[in-house]
Amino acid sequence: MSILATSPLGLEVNGVEFGLVGLSIRIIDPSSVISGEDAPESLDVRFLTPTYFNPLRGDQSYKVLYPDPEHLFASLVAVAHDLTGQGFPKPSELAEKVYISGLEIRTPRMEASKPAPNGFTGWVRLRFKKDASTSAKKLIAGLLRLGEITNVGGNRTAGYGVINVSSLAGDKGRVKESRENVSR
């Protein structure tokens, strides 16, 4: 506790003292989050804070301001590899296993005077194609659960890219929240 808080009563950030009500640390094995247990038919991904993706090729100053599956999986695979050291399929191969069946996003108006990058918020429903294997479904669901913990896209450490993932229960037709949901 003394490492994180300068005094037992508070936390100082940029010279401002905040009262410390509680402190909790949870250790999570990223490999167990990725391995997952369920193979859903579809996944709802909610982008709770502004999210953007860096382009995979071409002009790097351009930001991708929509939930493109290949960019989403590129972000997730990079983080998963960094945390576990494991090899994963190429993002394009994972993107070929899904299609977007619903989408509602908002992108705020760009302001040239703001130095911070813009981003979209909203949700996207990813459905698995009929030829997607159970292992591919589990991997994609697991990577998205990891994304709930690590965030996705650019500027994650500044609070961008916070997501919440829900899976559609195959025969029940209801959406259920994933088990690895982290409150923010």
C-alpha atoms as a PDB file:
ATOM      1  CA  MET A   1       0.000   0.000   0.000  1.00  0.00           C
ATOM      2  CA  SER A   2       2.829   2.439   0.799  1.00  0.00           C
ATOM      3  CA  ILE A   3       4.179   1.956  -2.729  1.00  0.00           C
ATOM      4  CA  LEU A   4       0.914   3.135  -4.315  1.00  0.00           C
ATOM      5  CA  ALA A   5      -0.262   5.743  -1.812  1.00  0.00           C
ATOM      6  CA  THR A   6       1.934   8.463  -0.358  1.00  0.00           C
ATOM      7  CA  SER A   7      -0.058   8.491   2.872  1.00  0.00           C
ATOM      8  CA  PRO A   8      -2.480   6.025   4.410  1.00  0.00           C
ATOM      9  CA  LEU A   9      -5.340   8.520   3.968  1.00  0.00           C
ATOM     10  CA  GLY A  10      -4.950   9.546   0.353  1.00  0.00           C
ATOM     11  CA  LEU A  11      -3.404   9.424  -3.047  1.00  0.00           C
ATOM     12  CA  GLU A  12      -1.633  12.374  -4.646  1.00  0.00           C
ATOM     13  CA  VAL A  13      -1.924  12.844  -8.405  1.00  0.00           C
ATOM     14  CA  ASN A  14      -0.291  15.873 -10.030  1.00  0.00           C
ATOM     15  CA  GLY A  15      -0.193  17.684  -6.709  1.00  0.00           C
ATOM     16  CA  VAL A  16      -3.868  17.062  -5.913  1.00  0.00           C
ATOM     17  CA  GLU A  17      -4.692  14.929  -2.861  1.00  0.00           C
ATOM     18  CA  PHE A  18      -7.510  12.380  -3.224  1.00  0.00           C
ATOM     19  CA  GLY A  19      -9.065  10.495  -0.327  1.00  0.00           C
ATOM     20  CA  LEU A  20      -8.378   6.805  -0.553  1.00  0.00           C
ATOM     21  CA  VAL A  21     -11.468   4.747   0.256  1.00  0.00           C
ATOM     22  CA  GLY A  22     -10.086   1.356  -0.691  1.00  0.00           C
ATOM     23  CA  LEU A  23      -7.482  -0.390  -2.735  1.00  0.00           C
ATOM     24  CA  SER A  24      -7.781  -3.747  -4.424  1.00  0.00           C
ATOM     25  CA  ILE A  25      -5.383  -5.677  -6.590  1.00  0.00           C
ATOM     26  CA  ARG A  26      -6.454  -8.666  -8.621  1.00  0.00           C
ATOM     27  CA  ILE A  27      -3.918 -10.877 -10.351  1.00  0.00           C
ATOM     28  CA  ILE A  28      -5.172 -12.324 -13.604  1.00  0.00           C
ATOM     29  CA  ASP A  29      -3.510 -14.968 -15.756  1.00  0.00           C
ATOM     30  CA  PRO A  30      -3.998 -13.666 -19.331  1.00  0.00           C
ATOM     31  CA  SER A  31      -3.649 -17.172 -20.785  1.00  0.00           C
ATOM     32  CA  SER A  32      -6.629 -18.411 -18.765  1.00  0.00           C
ATOM     33  CA  VAL A  33      -8.717 -15.406 -19.837  1.00  0.00           C
ATOM     34  CA  ILE A  34      -7.896 -16.049 -23.500  1.00  0.00           C
ATOM     35  CA  SER A  35      -8.523 -19.793 -23.346  1.00  0.00           C
ATOM     36  CA  GLY A  36     -12.105 -19.183 -22.227  1.00  0.00           C
ATOM     37  CA  GLU A  37     -14.841 -21.721 -21.916  1.00  0.00           C
ATOM     38  CA  ASP A  38     -17.647 -20.618 -24.201  1.00  0.00           C
ATOM     39  CA  ALA A  39     -17.998 -20.607 -27.984  1.00  0.00           C
ATOM     40  CA  PRO A  40     -20.826 -18.089 -28.556  1.00  0.00           C
ATOM     41  CA  GLU A  41     -22.650 -17.513 -31.828  1.00  0.00           C
ATOM     42  CA  SER A  42     -22.220 -13.754 -31.587  1.00  0.00           C
ATOM     43  CA  LEU A  43     -20.606 -11.105 -29.430  1.00  0.00           C
ATOM     44  CA  ASP A  44     -21.743  -7.592 -28.593  1.00  0.00           C
ATOM     45  CA  VAL A  45     -18.800  -5.262 -28.061  1.00  0.00           C
ATOM     46  CA  ARG A  46     -19.584  -1.946 -26.375  1.00  0.00           C
ATOM     47  CA  PHE A  47     -17.024   0.810 -26.701  1.00  0.00           C
ATOM     48  CA  LEU A  48     -17.523   2.752 -23.469  1.00  0.00           C
ATOM     49  CA  THR A  49     -14.812   5.383 -23.953  1.00  0.00           C
ATOM     50  CA  PRO A  50     -13.535   6.905 -27.199  1.00  0.00           C
ATOM     51  CA  THR A  51     -11.700   4.320 -29.270  1.00  0.00           C
ATOM     52  CA  TYR A  52      -9.537   4.553 -32.359  1.00  0.00           C
ATOM     53  CA  PHE A  53      -7.227   2.152 -34.135  1.00  0.00           C
ATOM     54  CA  ASN A  54      -3.896   2.870 -35.764  1.00  0.00           C
ATOM     55  CA  PRO A  55      -3.837   1.842 -39.427  1.00  0.00           C
ATOM     56  CA  LEU A  56      -2.209  -1.479 -40.241  1.00  0.00           C
ATOM     57  CA  ARG A  57      -0.617  -0.079 -43.391  1.00  0.00           C
ATOM     58  CA  GLY A  58      -0.437   3.211 -45.256  1.00  0.00           C
ATOM     59  CA  ASP A  59      -0.622   6.697 -43.749  1.00  0.00           C
ATOM     60  CA  GLN A  60       0.086   6.282 -40.029  1.00  0.00           C
ATOM     61  CA  SER A  61      -1.287   9.751 -39.199  1.00  0.00           C
ATOM     62  CA  TYR A  62      -4.770   8.588 -40.233  1.00  0.00           C
ATOM     63  CA  LYS A  63      -6.822   7.027 -37.414  1.00  0.00           C
ATOM     64  CA  VAL A  64      -9.448   4.331 -37.959  1.00  0.00           C
ATOM     65  CA  LEU A  65     -12.622   5.677 -36.320  1.00  0.00           C
ATOM     66  CA  TYR A  66     -14.908   2.668 -36.691  1.00  0.00           C
ATOM     67  CA  PRO A  67     -14.873  -0.876 -35.241  1.00  0.00           C
ATOM     68  CA  ASP A  68     -13.191  -2.714 -38.098  1.00  0.00           C
ATOM     69  CA  PRO A  69     -12.715  -6.369 -37.011  1.00  0.00           C
ATOM     70  CA  GLU A  70      -9.212  -6.693 -38.481  1.00  0.00           C
ATOM     71  CA  HIS A  71      -7.989  -3.587 -36.611  1.00  0.00           C
ATOM     72  CA  LEU A  72      -9.748  -4.731 -33.424  1.00  0.00           C
ATOM     73  CA  PHE A  73      -8.123  -8.174 -33.616  1.00  0.00           C
ATOM     74  CA  ALA A  74      -4.712  -6.648 -34.462  1.00  0.00           C
ATOM     75  CA  SER A  75      -4.879  -4.679 -31.223  1.00  0.00           C
ATOM     76  CA  LEU A  76      -5.993  -7.708 -29.214  1.00  0.00           C
ATOM     77  CA  VAL A  77      -3.459 -10.126 -30.718  1.00  0.00           C
ATOM     78  CA  ALA A  78      -0.577  -7.685 -30.092  1.00  0.00           C
ATOM     79  CA  VAL A  79      -1.515  -7.268 -26.425  1.00  0.00           C
ATOM     80  CA  ALA A  80      -2.153 -11.000 -25.957  1.00  0.00           C
ATOM     81  CA  HIS A  81       1.226 -11.856 -27.479  1.00  0.00           C
ATOM     82  CA  ASP A  82       2.991  -9.260 -25.296  1.00  0.00           C
ATOM     83  CA  LEU A  83       1.356 -10.651 -22.149  1.00  0.00           C
ATOM     84  CA  THR A  84       1.661 -14.369 -22.865  1.00  0.00           C
ATOM     85  CA  GLY A  85       4.429 -14.811 -25.445  1.00  0.00           C
ATOM     86  CA  GLN A  86       2.114 -17.164 -27.350  1.00  0.00           C
ATOM     87  CA  GLY A  87       1.618 -17.137 -31.092  1.00  0.00           C
ATOM     88  CA  PHE A  88      -1.814 -16.269 -32.473  1.00  0.00           C
ATOM     89  CA  PRO A  89      -3.412 -16.347 -35.924  1.00  0.00           C
ATOM     90  CA  LYS A  90      -3.042 -13.242 -38.067  1.00  0.00           C
ATOM     91  CA  PRO A  91      -5.695 -10.580 -37.396  1.00  0.00           C
ATOM     92  CA  SER A  92      -6.940 -10.935 -40.985  1.00  0.00           C
ATOM     93  CA  GLU A  93      -7.499 -14.677 -40.408  1.00  0.00           C
ATOM     94  CA  LEU A  94      -9.532 -13.962 -37.268  1.00  0.00           C
ATOM     95  CA  ALA A  95     -11.507 -11.227 -39.049  1.00  0.00           C
ATOM     96  CA  GLU A  96     -12.469 -13.744 -41.746  1.00  0.00           C
ATOM     97  CA  LYS A  97     -14.331 -15.768 -39.075  1.00  0.00           C
ATOM     98  CA  VAL A  98     -16.813 -12.973 -38.232  1.00  0.00           C
ATOM     99  CA  TYR A  99     -19.088 -10.428 -39.848  1.00  0.00           C
ATOM    100  CA  ILE A 100     -20.761  -7.312 -38.465  1.00  0.00           C
ATOM    101  CA  SER A 101     -24.511  -7.846 -38.038  1.00  0.00           C
ATOM    102  CA  GLY A 102     -25.304  -4.697 -36.065  1.00  0.00           C
ATOM    103  CA  LEU A 103     -23.633  -1.401 -35.442  1.00  0.00           C
ATOM    104  CA  GLU A 104     -24.323   1.874 -33.707  1.00  0.00           C
ATOM    105  CA  ILE A 105     -21.381   4.189 -33.229  1.00  0.00           C
ATOM    106  CA  ARG A 106     -20.892   7.887 -32.697  1.00  0.00           C
ATOM    107  CA  THR A 107     -17.818   9.859 -33.561  1.00  0.00           C
ATOM    108  CA  PRO A 108     -17.578  13.355 -32.109  1.00  0.00           C
ATOM    109  CA  ARG A 109     -16.888  16.270 -34.404  1.00  0.00           C
ATOM    110  CA  MET A 110     -13.175  16.766 -34.920  1.00  0.00           C
ATOM    111  CA  GLU A 111     -11.669  19.860 -33.324  1.00  0.00           C
ATOM    112  CA  ALA A 112      -8.408  20.979 -34.899  1.00  0.00           C
ATOM    113  CA  SER A 113      -7.321  22.799 -31.742  1.00  0.00           C
ATOM    114  CA  LYS A 114      -7.453  19.652 -29.576  1.00  0.00           C
ATOM    115  CA  PRO A 115      -4.170  17.737 -29.429  1.00  0.00           C
ATOM    116  CA  ALA A 116      -5.783  14.493 -28.194  1.00  0.00           C
ATOM    117  CA  PRO A 117      -6.959  11.998 -30.816  1.00  0.00           C
ATOM    118  CA  ASN A 118     -10.656  11.579 -31.422  1.00  0.00           C
ATOM    119  CA  GLY A 119     -12.469   8.265 -31.155  1.00  0.00           C
ATOM    120  CA  PHE A 120     -15.809   6.529 -31.582  1.00  0.00           C
ATOM    121  CA  THR A 121     -18.142   5.139 -28.921  1.00  0.00           C
ATOM    122  CA  GLY A 122     -21.108   2.789 -29.280  1.00  0.00           C
ATOM    123  CA  TRP A 123     -21.473  -0.903 -30.017  1.00  0.00           C
ATOM    124  CA  VAL A 124     -20.968  -3.519 -32.686  1.00  0.00           C
ATOM    125  CA  ARG A 125     -22.363  -7.055 -32.922  1.00  0.00           C
ATOM    126  CA  LEU A 126     -19.953  -9.599 -34.333  1.00  0.00           C
ATOM    127  CA  ARG A 127     -21.514 -12.842 -35.566  1.00  0.00           C
ATOM    128  CA  PHE A 128     -19.509 -15.892 -36.422  1.00  0.00           C
ATOM    129  CA  LYS A 129     -19.665 -17.255 -39.942  1.00  0.00           C
ATOM    130  CA  LYS A 130     -21.040 -20.775 -40.338  1.00  0.00           C
ATOM    131  CA  ASP A 131     -17.618 -22.226 -41.126  1.00  0.00           C
ATOM    132  CA  ALA A 132     -16.006 -20.794 -37.958  1.00  0.00           C
ATOM    133  CA  SER A 133     -14.688 -23.601 -35.789  1.00  0.00           C
ATOM    134  CA  THR A 134     -15.427 -23.906 -32.083  1.00  0.00           C
ATOM    135  CA  SER A 135     -11.762 -23.226 -31.310  1.00  0.00           C
ATOM    136  CA  ALA A 136     -11.843 -19.999 -33.369  1.00  0.00           C
ATOM    137  CA  LYS A 137     -14.991 -18.873 -31.549  1.00  0.00           C
ATOM    138  CA  LYS A 138     -13.397 -19.573 -28.172  1.00  0.00           C
ATOM    139  CA  LEU A 139     -10.190 -17.756 -29.127  1.00  0.00           C
ATOM    140  CA  ILE A 140     -11.990 -14.657 -30.404  1.00  0.00           C
ATOM    141  CA  ALA A 141     -14.275 -14.549 -27.349  1.00  0.00           C
ATOM    142  CA  GLY A 142     -11.222 -14.980 -25.102  1.00  0.00           C
ATOM    143  CA  LEU A 143      -9.271 -12.215 -26.838  1.00  0.00           C
ATOM    144  CA  LEU A 144     -12.237  -9.871 -26.413  1.00  0.00           C
ATOM    145  CA  ARG A 145     -12.481 -10.782 -22.709  1.00  0.00           C
ATOM    146  CA  LEU A 146      -8.804  -9.879 -22.404  1.00  0.00           C
ATOM    147  CA  GLY A 147      -9.653  -6.592 -24.143  1.00  0.00           C
ATOM    148  CA  GLU A 148     -12.064  -5.823 -21.295  1.00  0.00           C
ATOM    149  CA  ILE A 149      -9.067  -5.873 -18.953  1.00  0.00           C
ATOM    150  CA  THR A 150      -6.425  -4.220 -21.169  1.00  0.00           C
ATOM    151  CA  ASN A 151      -8.584  -1.936 -23.381  1.00  0.00           C
ATOM    152  CA  VAL A 152      -8.225  -1.868 -27.176  1.00  0.00           C
ATOM    153  CA  GLY A 153      -6.864   0.464 -29.828  1.00  0.00           C
ATOM    154  CA  GLY A 154      -4.655   3.481 -29.402  1.00  0.00           C
ATOM    155  CA  ASN A 155      -3.975   5.483 -26.247  1.00  0.00           C
ATOM    156  CA  ARG A 156      -5.241   2.686 -23.960  1.00  0.00           C
ATOM    157  CA  THR A 157      -3.266   3.864 -20.950  1.00  0.00           C
ATOM    158  CA  ALA A 158      -5.036   7.248 -21.105  1.00  0.00           C
ATOM    159  CA  GLY A 159      -8.423   5.540 -20.780  1.00  0.00           C
ATOM    160  CA  TYR A 160      -9.282   5.156 -24.445  1.00  0.00           C
ATOM    161  CA  GLY A 161     -10.692   1.877 -25.749  1.00  0.00           C
ATOM    162  CA  VAL A 162     -12.573   0.623 -22.676  1.00  0.00           C
ATOM    163  CA  ILE A 163     -14.869  -2.178 -23.847  1.00  0.00           C
ATOM    164  CA  ASN A 164     -17.522  -4.430 -22.404  1.00  0.00           C
ATOM    165  CA  VAL A 165     -18.293  -7.738 -24.128  1.00  0.00           C
ATOM    166  CA  SER A 166     -21.530  -9.717 -23.997  1.00  0.00           C
ATOM    167  CA  SER A 167     -22.148 -13.012 -25.735  1.00  0.00           C
ATOM    168  CA  LEU A 168     -25.378 -14.203 -27.294  1.00  0.00           C
ATOM    169  CA  ALA A 169     -26.430 -17.487 -25.725  1.00  0.00           C
ATOM    170  CA  GLY A 170     -26.904 -19.843 -28.678  1.00  0.00           C
ATOM    171  CA  ASP A 171     -30.282 -21.445 -27.993  1.00  0.00           C
ATOM    172  CA  LYS A 172     -31.693 -18.980 -25.468  1.00  0.00           C
ATOM    173  CA  GLY A 173     -31.601 -15.882 -27.674  1.00  0.00           C
ATOM    174  CA  ARG A 174     -30.569 -13.691 -24.724  1.00  0.00           C
ATOM    175  CA  VAL A 175     -27.476 -11.669 -24.183  1.00  0.00           C
ATOM    176  CA  LYS A 176     -25.399 -12.615 -21.147  1.00  0.00           C
ATOM    177  CA  GLU A 177     -22.558 -10.598 -19.665  1.00  0.00           C
ATOM    178  CA  SER A 178     -19.104 -12.128 -19.816  1.00  0.00           C
ATOM    179  CA  ARG A 179     -17.655 -13.429 -16.557  1.00  0.00           C
ATOM    180  CA  GLU A 180     -14.409 -11.463 -16.705  1.00  0.00           C
ATOM    181  CA  ASN A 181     -16.068  -8.033 -16.575  1.00  0.00           C
ATOM    182  CA  VAL A 182     -13.953  -5.439 -14.804  1.00  0.00           C
ATOM    183  CA  SER A 183     -15.651  -2.377 -13.358  1.00  0.00           C
ATOM    184  CA  ARG A 184     -13.982   0.924 -14.173  1.00  0.00           C
END
